[in-house]
N, C-alpha and C. Protein backbone atom coordinates (compact mmCIF):
# COMPACT_ATOMS: atom_id res chain seq x y z
N MET A 1 205.89 -45.75 -122.75
CA MET A 1 207.16 -45.11 -122.47
C MET A 1 207.36 -45.08 -120.95
N ASN A 2 208.53 -45.39 -120.54
CA ASN A 2 208.88 -45.44 -119.13
C ASN A 2 208.99 -44.01 -118.57
N PRO A 3 208.19 -43.67 -117.56
CA PRO A 3 208.22 -42.30 -117.02
C PRO A 3 209.57 -41.92 -116.41
N ILE A 4 210.27 -42.88 -115.83
CA ILE A 4 211.58 -42.58 -115.25
C ILE A 4 212.58 -42.24 -116.35
N ARG A 5 212.57 -43.02 -117.43
CA ARG A 5 213.47 -42.72 -118.54
C ARG A 5 213.11 -41.38 -119.18
N PHE A 6 211.82 -41.08 -119.27
CA PHE A 6 211.40 -39.78 -119.81
C PHE A 6 211.93 -38.65 -118.93
N PHE A 7 211.86 -38.82 -117.62
CA PHE A 7 212.36 -37.80 -116.70
C PHE A 7 213.86 -37.56 -116.94
N PHE A 8 214.65 -38.64 -117.08
CA PHE A 8 216.08 -38.47 -117.33
C PHE A 8 216.35 -37.84 -118.69
N ALA A 9 215.54 -38.17 -119.68
CA ALA A 9 215.70 -37.54 -120.99
C ALA A 9 215.34 -36.05 -120.91
N LEU A 10 214.31 -35.73 -120.15
CA LEU A 10 213.93 -34.33 -119.96
C LEU A 10 215.05 -33.56 -119.26
N MET A 11 215.65 -34.17 -118.25
CA MET A 11 216.76 -33.52 -117.55
C MET A 11 217.96 -33.32 -118.50
N LEU A 12 218.20 -34.30 -119.36
CA LEU A 12 219.28 -34.15 -120.34
C LEU A 12 218.97 -33.02 -121.31
N ALA A 13 217.72 -32.91 -121.74
CA ALA A 13 217.33 -31.80 -122.62
C ALA A 13 217.55 -30.46 -121.93
N PHE A 14 217.19 -30.38 -120.65
CA PHE A 14 217.44 -29.14 -119.90
C PHE A 14 218.93 -28.85 -119.80
N LYS A 15 219.72 -29.88 -119.54
CA LYS A 15 221.17 -29.69 -119.43
C LYS A 15 221.75 -29.18 -120.74
N MET A 16 221.34 -29.78 -121.86
CA MET A 16 221.85 -29.34 -123.16
C MET A 16 221.39 -27.92 -123.45
N GLY A 17 220.14 -27.61 -123.10
CA GLY A 17 219.64 -26.25 -123.31
C GLY A 17 220.36 -25.22 -122.47
N TRP A 18 220.82 -25.64 -121.31
CA TRP A 18 221.52 -24.73 -120.40
C TRP A 18 222.89 -24.33 -120.95
N ILE A 19 223.61 -25.29 -121.56
CA ILE A 19 224.97 -25.00 -122.01
C ILE A 19 225.04 -24.57 -123.47
N SER A 20 223.95 -24.62 -124.17
CA SER A 20 223.94 -24.32 -125.60
C SER A 20 223.69 -22.84 -125.86
N GLU A 21 224.06 -22.42 -127.05
CA GLU A 21 223.72 -21.06 -127.50
C GLU A 21 222.24 -20.97 -127.85
N ARG A 22 221.65 -22.11 -128.20
CA ARG A 22 220.22 -22.14 -128.52
C ARG A 22 219.42 -22.22 -127.23
N SER A 23 218.19 -21.78 -127.29
CA SER A 23 217.36 -21.76 -126.09
C SER A 23 216.74 -23.14 -125.82
N LEU A 24 216.26 -23.31 -124.62
CA LEU A 24 215.68 -24.56 -124.17
C LEU A 24 214.55 -25.09 -125.06
N PRO A 25 213.66 -24.25 -125.59
CA PRO A 25 212.59 -24.80 -126.43
C PRO A 25 213.08 -25.68 -127.58
N TYR A 26 214.25 -25.39 -128.13
CA TYR A 26 214.80 -26.25 -129.18
C TYR A 26 214.97 -27.67 -128.65
N TYR A 27 215.48 -27.78 -127.45
CA TYR A 27 215.76 -29.10 -126.89
C TYR A 27 214.49 -29.82 -126.48
N LEU A 28 213.46 -29.07 -126.13
CA LEU A 28 212.17 -29.69 -125.86
C LEU A 28 211.55 -30.23 -127.14
N VAL A 29 211.74 -29.53 -128.24
CA VAL A 29 211.30 -30.03 -129.55
C VAL A 29 212.11 -31.27 -129.92
N PHE A 30 213.41 -31.25 -129.68
CA PHE A 30 214.23 -32.44 -129.96
C PHE A 30 213.75 -33.63 -129.14
N LEU A 31 213.36 -33.38 -127.88
CA LEU A 31 212.83 -34.46 -127.05
C LEU A 31 211.52 -34.98 -127.63
N ALA A 32 210.66 -34.10 -128.10
CA ALA A 32 209.41 -34.53 -128.74
C ALA A 32 209.71 -35.36 -129.99
N GLU A 33 210.70 -34.95 -130.77
CA GLU A 33 211.09 -35.73 -131.95
C GLU A 33 211.61 -37.10 -131.54
N ALA A 34 212.38 -37.15 -130.47
CA ALA A 34 212.91 -38.43 -129.98
C ALA A 34 211.76 -39.34 -129.54
N CYS A 35 210.78 -38.77 -128.87
CA CYS A 35 209.60 -39.55 -128.46
C CYS A 35 208.85 -40.08 -129.68
N ARG A 36 208.84 -39.31 -130.73
CA ARG A 36 208.12 -39.70 -131.95
C ARG A 36 208.86 -40.77 -132.73
N ILE A 37 210.18 -40.68 -132.84
CA ILE A 37 210.90 -41.65 -133.68
C ILE A 37 211.15 -42.97 -132.96
N LEU A 38 211.17 -42.96 -131.64
CA LEU A 38 211.50 -44.18 -130.90
C LEU A 38 210.54 -45.33 -131.21
N PRO A 39 209.22 -45.15 -131.17
CA PRO A 39 208.34 -46.27 -131.53
C PRO A 39 208.54 -46.74 -132.97
N TRP A 40 208.79 -45.82 -133.87
CA TRP A 40 209.02 -46.18 -135.26
C TRP A 40 210.28 -47.03 -135.40
N LEU A 41 211.35 -46.62 -134.73
CA LEU A 41 212.59 -47.40 -134.77
C LEU A 41 212.39 -48.78 -134.15
N ASN A 42 211.67 -48.82 -133.04
CA ASN A 42 211.42 -50.11 -132.39
C ASN A 42 210.55 -51.02 -133.26
N SER A 43 209.58 -50.46 -133.96
CA SER A 43 208.71 -51.27 -134.81
C SER A 43 209.47 -51.88 -135.99
N HIS A 44 210.56 -51.23 -136.38
CA HIS A 44 211.40 -51.75 -137.46
C HIS A 44 212.54 -52.61 -136.92
N ARG A 45 212.53 -52.83 -135.62
CA ARG A 45 213.55 -53.64 -134.95
C ARG A 45 214.97 -53.14 -135.22
N SER A 46 215.10 -51.84 -135.28
CA SER A 46 216.42 -51.23 -135.47
C SER A 46 217.25 -51.45 -134.22
N ARG A 47 218.53 -51.66 -134.41
CA ARG A 47 219.43 -51.84 -133.27
C ARG A 47 220.42 -50.69 -133.14
N HIS A 48 220.58 -49.94 -134.21
CA HIS A 48 221.57 -48.86 -134.22
C HIS A 48 221.08 -47.78 -135.18
N ILE A 49 221.36 -46.55 -134.82
CA ILE A 49 221.05 -45.44 -135.72
C ILE A 49 222.28 -44.55 -135.81
N HIS A 50 222.54 -44.06 -137.01
CA HIS A 50 223.68 -43.18 -137.22
C HIS A 50 223.18 -41.80 -137.60
N ALA A 51 223.69 -40.81 -136.93
CA ALA A 51 223.35 -39.41 -137.23
C ALA A 51 224.55 -38.77 -137.91
N HIS A 52 224.27 -38.09 -138.99
CA HIS A 52 225.34 -37.41 -139.70
C HIS A 52 225.32 -35.96 -139.26
N PHE A 53 226.47 -35.45 -138.90
CA PHE A 53 226.70 -34.14 -138.31
C PHE A 53 226.53 -34.26 -136.80
N GLY A 54 227.21 -33.41 -136.09
CA GLY A 54 227.19 -33.50 -134.64
C GLY A 54 226.23 -32.55 -133.98
N THR A 55 225.20 -32.14 -134.69
CA THR A 55 224.29 -31.13 -134.14
C THR A 55 222.90 -31.71 -133.91
N ASN A 56 221.88 -31.15 -134.55
CA ASN A 56 220.48 -31.47 -134.26
C ASN A 56 220.17 -32.96 -134.32
N SER A 57 220.54 -33.63 -135.39
CA SER A 57 220.18 -35.04 -135.53
C SER A 57 220.81 -35.88 -134.41
N THR A 58 222.01 -35.55 -134.03
CA THR A 58 222.66 -36.28 -132.95
C THR A 58 221.98 -36.01 -131.62
N GLU A 59 221.53 -34.80 -131.42
CA GLU A 59 220.83 -34.48 -130.17
C GLU A 59 219.51 -35.25 -130.07
N VAL A 60 218.84 -35.42 -131.19
CA VAL A 60 217.59 -36.17 -131.18
C VAL A 60 217.84 -37.64 -130.87
N VAL A 61 218.83 -38.26 -131.53
CA VAL A 61 219.07 -39.68 -131.27
C VAL A 61 219.67 -39.90 -129.88
N MET A 62 220.41 -38.93 -129.37
CA MET A 62 220.92 -39.04 -128.00
C MET A 62 219.75 -39.04 -127.00
N LEU A 63 218.77 -38.21 -127.23
CA LEU A 63 217.60 -38.18 -126.36
C LEU A 63 216.77 -39.46 -126.53
N ALA A 64 216.69 -39.97 -127.75
CA ALA A 64 215.99 -41.24 -127.98
C ALA A 64 216.68 -42.36 -127.23
N ARG A 65 218.00 -42.35 -127.21
CA ARG A 65 218.75 -43.36 -126.47
C ARG A 65 218.45 -43.25 -124.97
N GLU A 66 218.37 -42.05 -124.48
CA GLU A 66 218.07 -41.84 -123.06
C GLU A 66 216.67 -42.33 -122.72
N LEU A 67 215.77 -42.27 -123.68
CA LEU A 67 214.41 -42.75 -123.48
C LEU A 67 214.32 -44.27 -123.46
N GLY A 68 215.41 -44.92 -123.75
CA GLY A 68 215.41 -46.38 -123.76
C GLY A 68 215.61 -46.95 -125.14
N GLY A 69 216.10 -46.12 -126.01
CA GLY A 69 216.26 -46.53 -127.40
C GLY A 69 217.56 -47.23 -127.67
N LEU A 70 217.84 -47.31 -128.92
CA LEU A 70 218.97 -48.07 -129.41
C LEU A 70 220.29 -47.31 -129.33
N LYS A 71 221.34 -48.04 -129.59
CA LYS A 71 222.67 -47.42 -129.64
C LYS A 71 222.73 -46.49 -130.85
N TYR A 72 223.63 -45.54 -130.76
CA TYR A 72 223.77 -44.60 -131.87
C TYR A 72 225.22 -44.23 -132.06
N SER A 73 225.49 -43.70 -133.22
CA SER A 73 226.80 -43.13 -133.52
C SER A 73 226.56 -41.85 -134.31
N PHE A 74 227.60 -41.06 -134.42
CA PHE A 74 227.47 -39.83 -135.20
C PHE A 74 228.81 -39.49 -135.82
N THR A 75 228.73 -38.74 -136.90
CA THR A 75 229.91 -38.29 -137.62
C THR A 75 229.96 -36.77 -137.58
N VAL A 76 231.12 -36.25 -137.34
CA VAL A 76 231.34 -34.80 -137.40
C VAL A 76 232.29 -34.59 -138.58
N PRO A 77 231.71 -34.31 -139.77
CA PRO A 77 232.53 -34.29 -140.98
C PRO A 77 233.32 -33.01 -141.23
N GLY A 78 232.92 -31.92 -140.62
CA GLY A 78 233.58 -30.67 -140.97
C GLY A 78 234.01 -29.89 -139.76
N SER A 79 234.59 -28.77 -140.01
CA SER A 79 235.14 -27.97 -138.91
C SER A 79 234.12 -27.06 -138.25
N GLN A 80 232.97 -26.84 -138.88
CA GLN A 80 232.03 -25.88 -138.29
C GLN A 80 231.51 -26.34 -136.94
N GLU A 81 231.42 -27.66 -136.72
CA GLU A 81 230.99 -28.14 -135.43
C GLU A 81 232.03 -27.83 -134.35
N PHE A 82 233.29 -27.77 -134.73
CA PHE A 82 234.34 -27.53 -133.75
C PHE A 82 234.59 -26.05 -133.49
N ASP A 83 233.92 -25.20 -134.24
CA ASP A 83 234.04 -23.76 -133.98
C ASP A 83 233.46 -23.40 -132.62
N ARG A 84 232.44 -24.16 -132.20
CA ARG A 84 231.80 -23.93 -130.90
C ARG A 84 231.76 -25.25 -130.14
N LEU A 85 232.89 -25.82 -129.92
CA LEU A 85 233.03 -27.15 -129.34
C LEU A 85 232.34 -27.28 -127.99
N GLN A 86 232.41 -26.26 -127.15
CA GLN A 86 231.83 -26.35 -125.83
C GLN A 86 230.32 -26.52 -125.87
N HIS A 87 229.67 -26.19 -126.97
CA HIS A 87 228.22 -26.28 -127.08
C HIS A 87 227.74 -27.60 -127.68
N LEU A 88 228.66 -28.50 -128.03
CA LEU A 88 228.26 -29.76 -128.65
C LEU A 88 227.90 -30.85 -127.66
N SER A 89 228.14 -30.68 -126.40
CA SER A 89 227.82 -31.68 -125.38
C SER A 89 228.48 -33.03 -125.70
N LEU A 90 229.72 -33.01 -126.12
CA LEU A 90 230.37 -34.25 -126.51
C LEU A 90 230.49 -35.23 -125.36
N CYS A 91 230.68 -34.76 -124.15
CA CYS A 91 230.75 -35.69 -123.02
C CYS A 91 229.43 -36.40 -122.82
N GLU A 92 228.31 -35.69 -122.96
CA GLU A 92 227.01 -36.30 -122.81
C GLU A 92 226.74 -37.30 -123.94
N ARG A 93 227.35 -37.08 -125.07
CA ARG A 93 227.14 -37.96 -126.23
C ARG A 93 228.03 -39.19 -126.18
N GLY A 94 228.91 -39.27 -125.22
CA GLY A 94 229.78 -40.43 -125.11
C GLY A 94 231.04 -40.32 -125.95
N ALA A 95 231.35 -39.13 -126.41
CA ALA A 95 232.56 -38.93 -127.23
C ALA A 95 233.64 -38.31 -126.37
N THR A 96 234.31 -39.11 -125.59
CA THR A 96 235.36 -38.59 -124.73
C THR A 96 236.72 -38.86 -125.28
């Protein structure tokens, strides 16, 4: 794993933890999950991953992408994600 990419992913985790209602440890766990799934995705030669819902799963794949992973997309199927729109980090996710 590239240490520079890890540093930027760590900074992104801190940024998300700063603006979220959830505390920073959640985002550090998400970063650990991203570190864990990235080799698995690469071993399967995946090129794209889709996360359903705009919350935890999307945050994990966004961090995996920052680590040097594949492209991702996500679906926000319901209104509950938009109840707290400012906490979804949509700009960081590329949804502008």
